[in-house]
Amino acid sequence: MSTDNDTIDFQLPDEVGIYEVGDLYRELGGVLQAFIDGTGSSARHALRLGAQRVSMIDTAGLQLLLVLAKELESRGLELDLVAPTKALLGVIDRLGASALLGVSPTAQAA
């Protein structure tokens, strides 16, 4: 994880499933709260999620991403999925979440 004045970078793990989302939710929550406390939400800031390692994501993992995107949006922040894998893009597309996560359904994986 790294931060600057406008963004925070966070690397998603290889697996984002039902067994990982609880810990991931708590970790992201702490990181985001510290970032929001440090920057406020009056300017446009972003959370960049490194998604190049995601080899498996299930509906619980996708739900976490959707909740995160909604929470960020309510605070005037953006979610940016960086280099999403084919596995991640496939689940996002199949479940109709492309627009909600700001991902083109035809995006190319890194």
PDB file of N, CA and C in Angstrom:
ATOM      1  N   MET A   1       0.834  -1.171   0.000  1.00  0.00           N
ATOM      2  CA  MET A   1       0.000   0.000   0.000  1.00  0.00           C
ATOM      3  C   MET A   1       0.880   1.235   0.000  1.00  0.00           C
ATOM      4  N   SER A   2       0.493   2.236  -0.786  1.00  0.00           N
ATOM      5  CA  SER A   2       1.177   3.520  -0.765  1.00  0.00           C
ATOM      6  C   SER A   2       0.133   4.618  -0.919  1.00  0.00           C
ATOM      7  N   THR A   3       0.513   5.812  -0.483  1.00  0.00           N
ATOM      8  CA  THR A   3      -0.410   6.936  -0.582  1.00  0.00           C
ATOM      9  C   THR A   3       0.327   8.166  -1.048  1.00  0.00           C
ATOM     10  N   ASP A   4      -0.406   9.085  -1.643  1.00  0.00           N
ATOM     11  CA  ASP A   4       0.050  10.440  -1.868  1.00  0.00           C
ATOM     12  C   ASP A   4      -1.140  11.335  -1.559  1.00  0.00           C
ATOM     13  N   ASN A   5      -1.089  12.596  -1.908  1.00  0.00           N
ATOM     14  CA  ASN A   5      -2.168  13.502  -1.542  1.00  0.00           C
ATOM     15  C   ASN A   5      -3.481  13.224  -2.267  1.00  0.00           C
ATOM     16  N   ASP A   6      -3.426  12.579  -3.409  1.00  0.00           N
ATOM     17  CA  ASP A   6      -4.625  12.386  -4.214  1.00  0.00           C
ATOM     18  C   ASP A   6      -5.105  10.947  -4.296  1.00  0.00           C
ATOM     19  N   THR A   7      -4.234  10.001  -4.039  1.00  0.00           N
ATOM     20  CA  THR A   7      -4.597   8.604  -4.248  1.00  0.00           C
ATOM     21  C   THR A   7      -4.034   7.722  -3.141  1.00  0.00           C
ATOM     22  N   ILE A   8      -4.599   6.547  -3.082  1.00  0.00           N
ATOM     23  CA  ILE A   8      -4.055   5.496  -2.239  1.00  0.00           C
ATOM     24  C   ILE A   8      -3.988   4.245  -3.110  1.00  0.00           C
ATOM     25  N   ASP A   9      -2.904   3.541  -3.041  1.00  0.00           N
ATOM     26  CA  ASP A   9      -2.724   2.301  -3.800  1.00  0.00           C
ATOM     27  C   ASP A   9      -2.836   1.122  -2.856  1.00  0.00           C
ATOM     28  N   PHE A  10      -3.586   0.118  -3.281  1.00  0.00           N
ATOM     29  CA  PHE A  10      -3.775  -1.084  -2.477  1.00  0.00           C
ATOM     30  C   PHE A  10      -3.776  -2.278  -3.415  1.00  0.00           C
ATOM     31  N   GLN A  11      -3.036  -3.304  -3.077  1.00  0.00           N
ATOM     32  CA  GLN A  11      -2.932  -4.506  -3.916  1.00  0.00           C
ATOM     33  C   GLN A  11      -3.927  -5.564  -3.458  1.00  0.00           C
ATOM     34  N   LEU A  12      -4.812  -5.979  -4.363  1.00  0.00           N
ATOM     35  CA  LEU A  12      -5.722  -7.080  -4.051  1.00  0.00           C
ATOM     36  C   LEU A  12      -4.943  -8.388  -4.033  1.00  0.00           C
ATOM     37  N   PRO A  13      -5.358  -9.325  -3.205  1.00  0.00           N
ATOM     38  CA  PRO A  13      -4.684 -10.633  -3.158  1.00  0.00           C
ATOM     39  C   PRO A  13      -5.051 -11.494  -4.370  1.00  0.00           C
ATOM     40  N   ASP A  14      -4.405 -12.634  -4.483  1.00  0.00           N
ATOM     41  CA  ASP A  14      -4.673 -13.572  -5.574  1.00  0.00           C
ATOM     42  C   ASP A  14      -6.110 -14.067  -5.548  1.00  0.00           C
ATOM     43  N   GLU A  15      -6.623 -14.318  -4.361  1.00  0.00           N
ATOM     44  CA  GLU A  15      -7.986 -14.819  -4.220  1.00  0.00           C
ATOM     45  C   GLU A  15      -8.821 -13.816  -3.435  1.00  0.00           C
ATOM     46  N   VAL A  16      -9.954 -13.450  -4.018  1.00  0.00           N
ATOM     47  CA  VAL A  16     -10.878 -12.518  -3.383  1.00  0.00           C
ATOM     48  C   VAL A  16     -12.214 -13.242  -3.302  1.00  0.00           C
ATOM     49  N   GLY A  17     -12.330 -14.082  -2.288  1.00  0.00           N
ATOM     50  CA  GLY A  17     -13.521 -14.909  -2.143  1.00  0.00           C
ATOM     51  C   GLY A  17     -14.097 -14.803  -0.751  1.00  0.00           C
ATOM     52  N   ILE A  18     -15.072 -15.622  -0.515  1.00  0.00           N
ATOM     53  CA  ILE A  18     -15.807 -15.577   0.746  1.00  0.00           C
ATOM     54  C   ILE A  18     -14.898 -15.749   1.960  1.00  0.00           C
ATOM     55  N   TYR A  19     -13.819 -16.499   1.825  1.00  0.00           N
ATOM     56  CA  TYR A  19     -12.919 -16.730   2.957  1.00  0.00           C
ATOM     57  C   TYR A  19     -11.952 -15.577   3.187  1.00  0.00           C
ATOM     58  N   GLU A  20     -11.789 -14.712   2.206  1.00  0.00           N
ATOM     59  CA  GLU A  20     -10.850 -13.597   2.306  1.00  0.00           C
ATOM     60  C   GLU A  20     -11.520 -12.251   2.561  1.00  0.00           C
ATOM     61  N   VAL A  21     -12.810 -12.116   2.212  1.00  0.00           N
ATOM     62  CA  VAL A  21     -13.420 -10.780   2.218  1.00  0.00           C
ATOM     63  C   VAL A  21     -13.520 -10.153   3.606  1.00  0.00           C
ATOM     64  N   GLY A  22     -13.705 -10.935   4.645  1.00  0.00           N
ATOM     65  CA  GLY A  22     -13.794 -10.353   5.984  1.00  0.00           C
ATOM     66  C   GLY A  22     -12.518  -9.617   6.363  1.00  0.00           C
ATOM     67  N   ASP A  23     -11.388 -10.296   6.217  1.00  0.00           N
ATOM     68  CA  ASP A  23     -10.103  -9.670   6.529  1.00  0.00           C
ATOM     69  C   ASP A  23      -9.815  -8.506   5.582  1.00  0.00           C
ATOM     70  N   LEU A  24     -10.117  -8.695   4.313  1.00  0.00           N
ATOM     71  CA  LEU A  24      -9.882  -7.656   3.315  1.00  0.00           C
ATOM     72  C   LEU A  24     -10.739  -6.424   3.606  1.00  0.00           C
ATOM     73  N   TYR A  25     -11.990  -6.641   3.984  1.00  0.00           N
ATOM     74  CA  TYR A  25     -12.898  -5.545   4.328  1.00  0.00           C
ATOM     75  C   TYR A  25     -12.348  -4.736   5.505  1.00  0.00           C
ATOM     76  N   ARG A  26     -11.896  -5.421   6.540  1.00  0.00           N
ATOM     77  CA  ARG A  26     -11.343  -4.733   7.705  1.00  0.00           C
ATOM     78  C   ARG A  26     -10.059  -3.966   7.347  1.00  0.00           C
ATOM     79  N   GLU A  27      -9.209  -4.599   6.567  1.00  0.00           N
ATOM     80  CA  GLU A  27      -7.955  -3.949   6.176  1.00  0.00           C
ATOM     81  C   GLU A  27      -8.221  -2.712   5.320  1.00  0.00           C
ATOM     82  N   LEU A  28      -9.077  -2.854   4.318  1.00  0.00           N
ATOM     83  CA  LEU A  28      -9.411  -1.717   3.462  1.00  0.00           C
ATOM     84  C   LEU A  28     -10.118  -0.619   4.245  1.00  0.00           C
ATOM     85  N   GLY A  29     -10.982  -0.998   5.174  1.00  0.00           N
ATOM     86  CA  GLY A  29     -11.685  -0.011   5.980  1.00  0.00           C
ATOM     87  C   GLY A  29     -10.735   0.859   6.774  1.00  0.00           C
ATOM     88  N   GLY A  30      -9.739   0.238   7.390  1.00  0.00           N
ATOM     89  CA  GLY A  30      -8.755   0.998   8.151  1.00  0.00           C
ATOM     90  C   GLY A  30      -7.924   1.910   7.274  1.00  0.00           C
ATOM     91  N   VAL A  31      -7.504   1.398   6.153  1.00  0.00           N
ATOM     92  CA  VAL A  31      -6.702   2.177   5.208  1.00  0.00           C
ATOM     93  C   VAL A  31      -7.503   3.364   4.694  1.00  0.00           C
ATOM     94  N   LEU A  32      -8.749   3.108   4.309  1.00  0.00           N
ATOM     95  CA  LEU A  32      -9.581   4.185   3.777  1.00  0.00           C
ATOM     96  C   LEU A  32      -9.896   5.236   4.828  1.00  0.00           C
ATOM     97  N   GLN A  33     -10.175   4.814   6.039  1.00  0.00           N
ATOM     98  CA  GLN A  33     -10.492   5.785   7.085  1.00  0.00           C
ATOM     99  C   GLN A  33      -9.297   6.689   7.349  1.00  0.00           C
ATOM    100  N   ALA A  34      -8.109   6.122   7.418  1.00  0.00           N
ATOM    101  CA  ALA A  34      -6.913   6.932   7.614  1.00  0.00           C
ATOM    102  C   ALA A  34      -6.702   7.899   6.456  1.00  0.00           C
ATOM    103  N   PHE A  35      -6.956   7.432   5.244  1.00  0.00           N
ATOM    104  CA  PHE A  35      -6.807   8.276   4.051  1.00  0.00           C
ATOM    105  C   PHE A  35      -7.822   9.416   4.073  1.00  0.00           C
ATOM    106  N   ILE A  36      -9.073   9.102   4.378  1.00  0.00           N
ATOM    107  CA  ILE A  36     -10.124  10.119   4.420  1.00  0.00           C
ATOM    108  C   ILE A  36      -9.839  11.124   5.532  1.00  0.00           C
ATOM    109  N   ASP A  37      -9.424  10.640   6.677  1.00  0.00           N
ATOM    110  CA  ASP A  37      -9.093  11.539   7.783  1.00  0.00           C
ATOM    111  C   ASP A  37      -7.950  12.477   7.416  1.00  0.00           C
ATOM    112  N   GLY A  38      -7.010  11.977   6.629  1.00  0.00           N
ATOM    113  CA  GLY A  38      -5.850  12.778   6.245  1.00  0.00           C
ATOM    114  C   GLY A  38      -6.094  13.734   5.102  1.00  0.00           C
ATOM    115  N   THR A  39      -7.068  13.426   4.238  1.00  0.00           N
ATOM    116  CA  THR A  39      -7.264  14.251   3.049  1.00  0.00           C
ATOM    117  C   THR A  39      -8.600  14.947   3.012  1.00  0.00           C
ATOM    118  N   GLY A  40      -9.575  14.477   3.793  1.00  0.00           N
ATOM    119  CA  GLY A  40     -10.929  14.998   3.664  1.00  0.00           C
ATOM    120  C   GLY A  40     -11.534  14.481   2.377  1.00  0.00           C
ATOM    121  N   SER A  41     -12.741  14.894   2.080  1.00  0.00           N
ATOM    122  CA  SER A  41     -13.374  14.397   0.857  1.00  0.00           C
ATOM    123  C   SER A  41     -13.848  15.523  -0.036  1.00  0.00           C
ATOM    124  N   SER A  42     -13.335  16.747   0.172  1.00  0.00           N
ATOM    125  CA  SER A  42     -13.791  17.863  -0.633  1.00  0.00           C
ATOM    126  C   SER A  42     -13.174  17.856  -2.030  1.00  0.00           C
ATOM    127  N   ALA A  43     -11.990  17.323  -2.187  1.00  0.00           N
ATOM    128  CA  ALA A  43     -11.343  17.238  -3.494  1.00  0.00           C
ATOM    129  C   ALA A  43     -11.549  15.840  -4.065  1.00  0.00           C
ATOM    130  N   ARG A  44     -11.229  15.679  -5.327  1.00  0.00           N
ATOM    131  CA  ARG A  44     -11.390  14.376  -5.985  1.00  0.00           C
ATOM    132  C   ARG A  44     -10.169  13.533  -5.701  1.00  0.00           C
ATOM    133  N   HIS A  45     -10.363  12.422  -5.015  1.00  0.00           N
ATOM    134  CA  HIS A  45      -9.291  11.495  -4.678  1.00  0.00           C
ATOM    135  C   HIS A  45      -9.681  10.111  -5.173  1.00  0.00           C
ATOM    136  N   ALA A  46      -8.723   9.215  -5.213  1.00  0.00           N
ATOM    137  CA  ALA A  46      -9.013   7.885  -5.734  1.00  0.00           C
ATOM    138  C   ALA A  46      -8.323   6.801  -4.920  1.00  0.00           C
ATOM    139  N   LEU A  47      -8.978   5.659  -4.896  1.00  0.00           N
ATOM    140  CA  LEU A  47      -8.375   4.429  -4.394  1.00  0.00           C
ATOM    141  C   LEU A  47      -8.048   3.598  -5.618  1.00  0.00           C
ATOM    142  N   ARG A  48      -6.768   3.308  -5.807  1.00  0.00           N
ATOM    143  CA  ARG A  48      -6.343   2.454  -6.920  1.00  0.00           C
ATOM    144  C   ARG A  48      -6.116   1.055  -6.374  1.00  0.00           C
ATOM    145  N   LEU A  49      -6.943   0.128  -6.858  1.00  0.00           N
ATOM    146  CA  LEU A  49      -6.811  -1.271  -6.449  1.00  0.00           C
ATOM    147  C   LEU A  49      -6.016  -2.018  -7.505  1.00  0.00           C
ATOM    148  N   GLY A  50      -4.838  -2.473  -7.147  1.00  0.00           N
ATOM    149  CA  GLY A  50      -4.053  -3.305  -8.047  1.00  0.00           C
ATOM    150  C   GLY A  50      -4.748  -4.659  -8.176  1.00  0.00           C
ATOM    151  N   ALA A  51      -5.191  -4.984  -9.370  1.00  0.00           N
ATOM    152  CA  ALA A  51      -5.974  -6.197  -9.583  1.00  0.00           C
ATOM    153  C   ALA A  51      -5.282  -7.179 -10.514  1.00  0.00           C
ATOM    154  N   GLN A  52      -4.000  -6.992 -10.748  1.00  0.00           N
ATOM    155  CA  GLN A  52      -3.272  -7.819 -11.706  1.00  0.00           C
ATOM    156  C   GLN A  52      -2.966  -9.221 -11.197  1.00  0.00           C
ATOM    157  N   ARG A  53      -3.161  -9.474  -9.904  1.00  0.00           N
ATOM    158  CA  ARG A  53      -2.879 -10.812  -9.356  1.00  0.00           C
ATOM    159  C   ARG A  53      -4.134 -11.640  -9.118  1.00  0.00           C
ATOM    160  N   VAL A  54      -5.312 -11.043  -9.264  1.00  0.00           N
ATOM    161  CA  VAL A  54      -6.559 -11.739  -8.923  1.00  0.00           C
ATOM    162  C   VAL A  54      -6.775 -12.926  -9.861  1.00  0.00           C
ATOM    163  N   SER A  55      -6.636 -14.124  -9.311  1.00  0.00           N
ATOM    164  CA  SER A  55      -6.847 -15.342 -10.105  1.00  0.00           C
ATOM    165  C   SER A  55      -8.219 -15.946  -9.843  1.00  0.00           C
ATOM    166  N   MET A  56      -8.843 -15.554  -8.697  1.00  0.00           N
ATOM    167  CA  MET A  56     -10.169 -16.053  -8.355  1.00  0.00           C
ATOM    168  C   MET A  56     -10.920 -14.982  -7.595  1.00  0.00           C
ATOM    169  N   ILE A  57     -12.162 -14.751  -8.024  1.00  0.00           N
ATOM    170  CA  ILE A  57     -13.065 -13.876  -7.289  1.00  0.00           C
ATOM    171  C   ILE A  57     -14.450 -14.493  -7.380  1.00  0.00           C
ATOM    172  N   ASP A  58     -15.144 -14.525  -6.254  1.00  0.00           N
ATOM    173  CA  ASP A  58     -16.508 -15.057  -6.272  1.00  0.00           C
ATOM    174  C   ASP A  58     -17.481 -13.911  -6.013  1.00  0.00           C
ATOM    175  N   THR A  59     -18.744 -14.245  -5.839  1.00  0.00           N
ATOM    176  CA  THR A  59     -19.742 -13.192  -5.654  1.00  0.00           C
ATOM    177  C   THR A  59     -19.520 -12.409  -4.360  1.00  0.00           C
ATOM    178  N   ALA A  60     -18.981 -13.033  -3.336  1.00  0.00           N
ATOM    179  CA  ALA A  60     -18.682 -12.310  -2.101  1.00  0.00           C
ATOM    180  C   ALA A  60     -17.589 -11.267  -2.354  1.00  0.00           C
ATOM    181  N   GLY A  61     -16.587 -11.636  -3.134  1.00  0.00           N
ATOM    182  CA  GLY A  61     -15.522 -10.700  -3.480  1.00  0.00           C
ATOM    183  C   GLY A  61     -16.039  -9.556  -4.329  1.00  0.00           C
ATOM    184  N   LEU A  62     -16.900  -9.874  -5.298  1.00  0.00           N
ATOM    185  CA  LEU A  62     -17.475  -8.833  -6.140  1.00  0.00           C
ATOM    186  C   LEU A  62     -18.362  -7.915  -5.308  1.00  0.00           C
ATOM    187  N   GLN A  63     -19.108  -8.480  -4.386  1.00  0.00           N
ATOM    188  CA  GLN A  63     -19.948  -7.674  -3.511  1.00  0.00           C
ATOM    189  C   GLN A  63     -19.088  -6.702  -2.703  1.00  0.00           C
ATOM    190  N   LEU A  64     -17.946  -7.144  -2.226  1.00  0.00           N
ATOM    191  CA  LEU A  64     -17.032  -6.259  -1.504  1.00  0.00           C
ATOM    192  C   LEU A  64     -16.607  -5.092  -2.395  1.00  0.00           C
ATOM    193  N   LEU A  65     -16.259  -5.367  -3.640  1.00  0.00           N
ATOM    194  CA  LEU A  65     -15.852  -4.298  -4.556  1.00  0.00           C
ATOM    195  C   LEU A  65     -16.997  -3.319  -4.800  1.00  0.00           C
ATOM    196  N   LEU A  66     -18.217  -3.835  -4.922  1.00  0.00           N
ATOM    197  CA  LEU A  66     -19.377  -2.971  -5.156  1.00  0.00           C
ATOM    198  C   LEU A  66     -19.675  -2.084  -3.939  1.00  0.00           C
ATOM    199  N   VAL A  67     -19.593  -2.662  -2.746  1.00  0.00           N
ATOM    200  CA  VAL A  67     -19.798  -1.882  -1.516  1.00  0.00           C
ATOM    201  C   VAL A  67     -18.720  -0.813  -1.406  1.00  0.00           C
ATOM    202  N   LEU A  68     -17.497  -1.186  -1.699  1.00  0.00           N
ATOM    203  CA  LEU A  68     -16.382  -0.249  -1.646  1.00  0.00           C
ATOM    204  C   LEU A  68     -16.593   0.902  -2.632  1.00  0.00           C
ATOM    205  N   ALA A  69     -16.979   0.579  -3.871  1.00  0.00           N
ATOM    206  CA  ALA A  69     -17.219   1.606  -4.883  1.00  0.00           C
ATOM    207  C   ALA A  69     -18.326   2.566  -4.439  1.00  0.00           C
ATOM    208  N   LYS A  70     -19.392   2.022  -3.885  1.00  0.00           N
ATOM    209  CA  LYS A  70     -20.515   2.841  -3.427  1.00  0.00           C
ATOM    210  C   LYS A  70     -20.097   3.741  -2.263  1.00  0.00           C
ATOM    211  N   GLU A  71     -19.357   3.207  -1.326  1.00  0.00           N
ATOM    212  CA  GLU A  71     -18.886   3.990  -0.178  1.00  0.00           C
ATOM    213  C   GLU A  71     -17.961   5.118  -0.638  1.00  0.00           C
ATOM    214  N   LEU A  72     -17.055   4.806  -1.544  1.00  0.00           N
ATOM    215  CA  LEU A  72     -16.150   5.831  -2.065  1.00  0.00           C
ATOM    216  C   LEU A  72     -16.931   6.927  -2.781  1.00  0.00           C
ATOM    217  N   GLU A  73     -17.878   6.518  -3.605  1.00  0.00           N
ATOM    218  CA  GLU A  73     -18.687   7.481  -4.354  1.00  0.00           C
ATOM    219  C   GLU A  73     -19.433   8.419  -3.403  1.00  0.00           C
ATOM    220  N   SER A  74     -19.967   7.874  -2.315  1.00  0.00           N
ATOM    221  CA  SER A  74     -20.710   8.703  -1.365  1.00  0.00           C
ATOM    222  C   SER A  74     -19.812   9.735  -0.683  1.00  0.00           C
ATOM    223  N   ARG A  75     -18.513   9.495  -0.700  1.00  0.00           N
ATOM    224  CA  ARG A  75     -17.554  10.421  -0.086  1.00  0.00           C
ATOM    225  C   ARG A  75     -16.826  11.271  -1.123  1.00  0.00           C
ATOM    226  N   GLY A  76     -17.251  11.188  -2.381  1.00  0.00           N
ATOM    227  CA  GLY A  76     -16.620  11.976  -3.427  1.00  0.00           C
ATOM    228  C   GLY A  76     -15.286  11.424  -3.877  1.00  0.00           C
ATOM    229  N   LEU A  77     -15.076  10.144  -3.643  1.00  0.00           N
ATOM    230  CA  LEU A  77     -13.827   9.486  -4.026  1.00  0.00           C
ATOM    231  C   LEU A  77     -14.088   8.514  -5.175  1.00  0.00           C
ATOM    232  N   GLU A  78     -13.051   8.115  -5.870  1.00  0.00           N
ATOM    233  CA  GLU A  78     -13.169   7.194  -6.993  1.00  0.00           C
ATOM    234  C   GLU A  78     -12.494   5.865  -6.687  1.00  0.00           C
ATOM    235  N   LEU A  79     -13.001   4.813  -7.324  1.00  0.00           N
ATOM    236  CA  LEU A  79     -12.357   3.497  -7.293  1.00  0.00           C
ATOM    237  C   LEU A  79     -11.774   3.256  -8.673  1.00  0.00           C
ATOM    238  N   ASP A  80     -10.513   2.896  -8.720  1.00  0.00           N
ATOM    239  CA  ASP A  80      -9.831   2.621  -9.979  1.00  0.00           C
ATOM    240  C   ASP A  80      -9.224   1.223  -9.899  1.00  0.00           C
ATOM    241  N   LEU A  81      -9.778   0.288 -10.683  1.00  0.00           N
ATOM    242  CA  LEU A  81      -9.200  -1.058 -10.750  1.00  0.00           C
ATOM    243  C   LEU A  81      -8.042  -1.027 -11.732  1.00  0.00           C
ATOM    244  N   VAL A  82      -6.857  -1.310 -11.256  1.00  0.00           N
ATOM    245  CA  VAL A  82      -5.649  -1.237 -12.076  1.00  0.00           C
ATOM    246  C   VAL A  82      -5.304  -2.624 -12.597  1.00  0.00           C
ATOM    247  N   ALA A  83      -5.222  -2.742 -13.908  1.00  0.00           N
ATOM    248  CA  ALA A  83      -4.812  -3.968 -14.593  1.00  0.00           C
ATOM    249  C   ALA A  83      -5.609  -5.191 -14.149  1.00  0.00           C
ATOM    250  N   PRO A  84      -6.949  -5.121 -14.229  1.00  0.00           N
ATOM    251  CA  PRO A  84      -7.745  -6.288 -13.812  1.00  0.00           C
ATOM    252  C   PRO A  84      -7.466  -7.502 -14.700  1.00  0.00           C
ATOM    253  N   THR A  85      -7.436  -8.659 -14.072  1.00  0.00           N
ATOM    254  CA  THR A  85      -7.169  -9.901 -14.803  1.00  0.00           C
ATOM    255  C   THR A  85      -8.407 -10.340 -15.581  1.00  0.00           C
ATOM    256  N   LYS A  86      -8.198 -11.295 -16.483  1.00  0.00           N
ATOM    257  CA  LYS A  86      -9.329 -11.855 -17.229  1.00  0.00           C
ATOM    258  C   LYS A  86     -10.336 -12.502 -16.288  1.00  0.00           C
ATOM    259  N   ALA A  87      -9.851 -13.150 -15.233  1.00  0.00           N
ATOM    260  CA  ALA A  87     -10.742 -13.779 -14.261  1.00  0.00           C
ATOM    261  C   ALA A  87     -11.654 -12.734 -13.614  1.00  0.00           C
ATOM    262  N   LEU A  88     -11.080 -11.628 -13.204  1.00  0.00           N
ATOM    263  CA  LEU A  88     -11.856 -10.567 -12.570  1.00  0.00           C
ATOM    264  C   LEU A  88     -12.811  -9.924 -13.564  1.00  0.00           C
ATOM    265  N   LEU A  89     -12.322  -9.591 -14.742  1.00  0.00           N
ATOM    266  CA  LEU A  89     -13.180  -8.973 -15.749  1.00  0.00           C
ATOM    267  C   LEU A  89     -14.338  -9.878 -16.145  1.00  0.00           C
ATOM    268  N   GLY A  90     -14.075 -11.184 -16.211  1.00  0.00           N
ATOM    269  CA  GLY A  90     -15.123 -12.132 -16.569  1.00  0.00           C
ATOM    270  C   GLY A  90     -16.254 -12.141 -15.559  1.00  0.00           C
ATOM    271  N   VAL A  91     -15.920 -12.156 -14.285  1.00  0.00           N
ATOM    272  CA  VAL A  91     -16.948 -12.153 -13.232  1.00  0.00           C
ATOM    273  C   VAL A  91     -17.702 -10.826 -13.244  1.00  0.00           C
ATOM    274  N   ILE A  92     -16.985  -9.732 -13.371  1.00  0.00           N
ATOM    275  CA  ILE A  92     -17.632  -8.416 -13.416  1.00  0.00           C
ATOM    276  C   ILE A  92     -18.621  -8.362 -14.577  1.00  0.00           C
ATOM    277  N   ASP A  93     -18.204  -8.837 -15.735  1.00  0.00           N
ATOM    278  CA  ASP A  93     -19.053  -8.809 -16.922  1.00  0.00           C
ATOM    279  C   ASP A  93     -20.256  -9.747 -16.767  1.00  0.00           C
ATOM    280  N   ARG A  94     -20.005 -10.985 -16.332  1.00  0.00           N
ATOM    281  CA  ARG A  94     -21.096 -11.961 -16.202  1.00  0.00           C
ATOM    282  C   ARG A  94     -22.165 -11.527 -15.221  1.00  0.00           C
ATOM    283  N   LEU A  95     -21.774 -10.813 -14.196  1.00  0.00           N
ATOM    284  CA  LEU A  95     -22.728 -10.388 -13.177  1.00  0.00           C
ATOM    285  C   LEU A  95     -23.249  -8.968 -13.408  1.00  0.00           C
ATOM    286  N   GLY A  96     -22.903  -8.393 -14.555  1.00  0.00           N
ATOM    287  CA  GLY A  96     -23.454  -7.092 -14.941  1.00  0.00           C
ATOM    288  C   GLY A  96     -22.995  -5.929 -14.090  1.00  0.00           C
ATOM    289  N   ALA A  97     -21.778  -5.982 -13.588  1.00  0.00           N
ATOM    290  CA  ALA A  97     -21.290  -4.939 -12.695  1.00  0.00           C
ATOM    291  C   ALA A  97     -20.288  -3.988 -13.363  1.00  0.00           C
ATOM    292  N   SER A  98     -20.143  -4.084 -14.672  1.00  0.00           N
ATOM    293  CA  SER A  98     -19.153  -3.254 -15.368  1.00  0.00           C
ATOM    294  C   SER A  98     -19.370  -1.766 -15.128  1.00  0.00           C
ATOM    295  N   ALA A  99     -20.584  -1.299 -15.327  1.00  0.00           N
ATOM    296  CA  ALA A  99     -20.866   0.128 -15.158  1.00  0.00           C
ATOM    297  C   ALA A  99     -20.705   0.561 -13.704  1.00  0.00           C
ATOM    298  N   LEU A 100     -21.100  -0.282 -12.786  1.00  0.00           N
ATOM    299  CA  LEU A 100     -21.012   0.057 -11.362  1.00  0.00           C
ATOM    300  C   LEU A 100     -19.572   0.193 -10.892  1.00  0.00           C
ATOM    301  N   LEU A 101     -18.675  -0.542 -11.534  1.00  0.00           N
ATOM    302  CA  LEU A 101     -17.263  -0.497 -11.141  1.00  0.00           C
ATOM    303  C   LEU A 101     -16.425   0.349 -12.114  1.00  0.00           C
ATOM    304  N   GLY A 102     -17.075   0.947 -13.089  1.00  0.00           N
ATOM    305  CA  GLY A 102     -16.358   1.789 -14.029  1.00  0.00           C
ATOM    306  C   GLY A 102     -15.380   1.023 -14.898  1.00  0.00           C
ATOM    307  N   VAL A 103     -15.734  -0.217 -15.242  1.00  0.00           N
ATOM    308  CA  VAL A 103     -14.873  -1.060 -16.056  1.00  0.00           C
ATOM    309  C   VAL A 103     -15.576  -1.335 -17.377  1.00  0.00           C
ATOM    310  N   SER A 104     -14.866  -1.142 -18.446  1.00  0.00           N
ATOM    311  CA  SER A 104     -15.435  -1.470 -19.749  1.00  0.00           C
ATOM    312  C   SER A 104     -15.564  -2.983 -19.871  1.00  0.00           C
ATOM    313  N   PRO A 105     -16.738  -3.480 -20.311  1.00  0.00           N
ATOM    314  CA  PRO A 105     -16.890  -4.928 -20.423  1.00  0.00           C
ATOM    315  C   PRO A 105     -15.954  -5.553 -21.453  1.00  0.00           C
ATOM    316  N   THR A 106     -15.382  -4.728 -22.323  1.00  0.00           N
ATOM    317  CA  THR A 106     -14.457  -5.240 -23.321  1.00  0.00           C
ATOM    318  C   THR A 106     -13.013  -4.887 -22.993  1.00  0.00           C
ATOM    319  N   ALA A 107     -12.770  -4.440 -21.764  1.00  0.00           N
ATOM    320  CA  ALA A 107     -11.409  -4.075 -21.347  1.00  0.00           C
ATOM    321  C   ALA A 107     -10.467  -5.257 -21.478  1.00  0.00           C
ATOM    322  N   GLN A 108      -9.252  -4.961 -21.798  1.00  0.00           N
ATOM    323  CA  GLN A 108      -8.235  -6.003 -21.916  1.00  0.00           C
ATOM    324  C   GLN A 108      -7.515  -6.161 -20.594  1.00  0.00           C
ATOM    325  N   ALA A 109      -7.321  -7.379 -20.180  1.00  0.00           N
ATOM    326  CA  ALA A 109      -6.585  -7.646 -18.951  1.00  0.00           C
ATOM    327  C   ALA A 109      -5.104  -7.494 -19.193  1.00  0.00           C
ATOM    328  N   ALA A 110      -4.401  -7.125 -18.137  1.00  0.00           N
ATOM    329  CA  ALA A 110      -2.948  -6.975 -18.236  1.00  0.00           C
ATOM    330  C   ALA A 110      -2.280  -8.314 -18.201  1.00  0.00           C
TER     331      ALA A 110
END
